[in-house]
Amino acid sequence: GIFPPLTAEQPLWVVVADFRIKYRRQLEYQREPVSVEMSIPKIGGASFTIAYSLTTGAADEEPRVTAESTMAMVASATGRPQRIDAQMRSRMKLWSGEARS
């Protein structure tokens, strides 16, 4: 995975700084699962953005729902922002291109 185990004992935490969601079209009840594509389109100094796109499957040309969450890296001891190190940044860049499922 991209991140170390997310436990209270870790020296670095990933917290949600912002979340935005857009309901673009109705997503009616269905028994089949929806598809969620995710990517990391923006990587900053101590934060990054995760983009989400929900469709009902291959027949959907446009997403039903899109969302973005801005995540911040913070030191667990102080709660202060921590820069994203080079190793984590390179792993995030693997997800920065075309959205993945």
Protein backbone atom coordinates (compact mmCIF):
# COMPACT_ATOMS: atom_id res chain seq x y z
CA GLY A 1 0.00 0.00 0.00
CA ILE A 2 0.87 3.64 -0.18
CA PHE A 3 0.57 4.32 3.54
CA PRO A 4 2.00 2.74 6.67
CA PRO A 5 -0.53 0.98 8.92
CA LEU A 6 -3.03 3.58 10.15
CA THR A 7 -2.85 3.09 13.91
CA ALA A 8 -2.73 5.53 16.82
CA GLU A 9 0.85 4.47 17.55
CA GLN A 10 2.21 5.65 14.17
CA PRO A 11 4.34 8.83 14.22
CA LEU A 12 2.57 10.08 11.08
CA TRP A 13 -1.18 10.31 10.58
CA VAL A 14 -3.24 10.93 7.46
CA VAL A 15 -6.30 13.08 8.25
CA VAL A 16 -9.17 14.41 6.13
CA ALA A 17 -8.73 18.17 5.66
CA ASP A 18 -11.59 18.70 3.18
CA PHE A 19 -14.21 16.65 1.34
CA ARG A 20 -16.40 17.70 -1.59
CA ILE A 21 -19.04 15.65 -3.36
CA LYS A 22 -21.12 16.36 -6.46
CA TYR A 23 -24.25 14.39 -7.25
CA ARG A 24 -24.37 14.63 -11.04
CA ARG A 25 -27.16 12.18 -11.90
CA GLN A 26 -29.49 9.97 -9.93
CA LEU A 27 -27.98 6.74 -8.69
CA GLU A 28 -31.00 4.50 -8.40
CA TYR A 29 -31.12 1.48 -6.14
CA GLN A 30 -29.61 -1.59 -7.75
CA ARG A 31 -28.42 -4.95 -6.52
CA GLU A 32 -25.28 -4.83 -8.66
CA PRO A 33 -22.23 -3.04 -7.26
CA VAL A 34 -21.25 0.40 -8.49
CA SER A 35 -17.80 1.08 -9.93
CA VAL A 36 -15.52 3.53 -8.12
CA GLU A 37 -12.48 4.88 -9.94
CA MET A 38 -9.87 6.65 -7.84
CA SER A 39 -6.78 8.70 -8.61
CA ILE A 40 -4.41 11.10 -6.86
CA PRO A 41 -4.43 14.15 -9.16
CA LYS A 42 -2.59 16.54 -6.82
CA ILE A 43 0.33 16.00 -4.46
CA GLY A 44 1.40 19.01 -2.40
CA GLY A 45 4.05 19.50 0.27
CA ALA A 46 2.10 18.02 3.20
CA SER A 47 -1.23 17.18 1.54
CA PHE A 48 -2.70 15.38 -1.44
CA THR A 49 -6.05 15.06 -3.18
CA ILE A 50 -7.91 11.83 -3.91
CA ALA A 51 -10.47 12.01 -6.73
CA TYR A 52 -13.42 9.58 -6.94
CA SER A 53 -15.82 8.81 -9.80
CA LEU A 54 -18.84 6.50 -9.33
CA THR A 55 -20.64 4.82 -12.22
CA THR A 56 -23.16 2.02 -12.47
CA GLY A 57 -20.84 0.06 -14.76
CA ALA A 58 -19.54 0.01 -18.32
CA ALA A 59 -22.83 1.35 -19.76
CA ASP A 60 -22.43 4.67 -17.89
CA GLU A 61 -20.75 7.24 -20.10
CA GLU A 62 -20.72 9.93 -17.40
CA PRO A 63 -20.20 9.49 -13.66
CA ARG A 64 -23.21 9.57 -11.37
CA VAL A 65 -21.16 10.99 -8.49
CA THR A 66 -17.76 12.67 -8.32
CA ALA A 67 -15.87 13.60 -5.17
CA GLU A 68 -12.54 14.86 -3.93
CA SER A 69 -10.94 14.52 -0.54
CA THR A 70 -7.93 16.53 0.54
CA MET A 71 -5.79 14.54 2.93
CA ALA A 72 -3.12 16.06 5.18
CA MET A 73 -0.08 14.39 6.70
CA VAL A 74 0.38 15.35 10.37
CA ALA A 75 2.77 14.36 13.15
CA SER A 76 0.80 12.35 15.72
CA ALA A 77 2.72 13.88 18.63
CA THR A 78 2.12 17.53 17.68
CA GLY A 79 -0.72 17.58 15.12
CA ARG A 80 1.47 19.77 12.91
CA PRO A 81 1.71 19.22 9.14
CA GLN A 82 4.52 16.92 7.97
CA ARG A 83 5.99 16.96 4.49
CA ILE A 84 5.36 13.97 2.27
CA ASP A 85 8.68 12.12 2.00
CA ALA A 86 10.20 11.13 -1.35
CA GLN A 87 9.34 7.43 -1.00
CA MET A 88 5.66 8.07 -0.29
CA ARG A 89 5.52 10.75 -3.00
CA SER A 90 6.85 8.30 -5.62
CA ARG A 91 4.24 5.69 -4.59
CA MET A 92 1.47 8.30 -4.83
CA LYS A 93 2.62 9.31 -8.32
CA LEU A 94 1.77 5.77 -9.50
CA TRP A 95 -1.90 6.75 -8.91
CA SER A 96 -1.67 10.28 -10.33
CA GLY A 97 -2.27 9.38 -13.99
CA GLU A 98 -5.39 7.78 -15.37
CA ALA A 99 -7.97 6.89 -12.67
CA ARG A 100 -7.87 3.32 -11.45
CA SER A 101 -10.54 1.02 -10.04
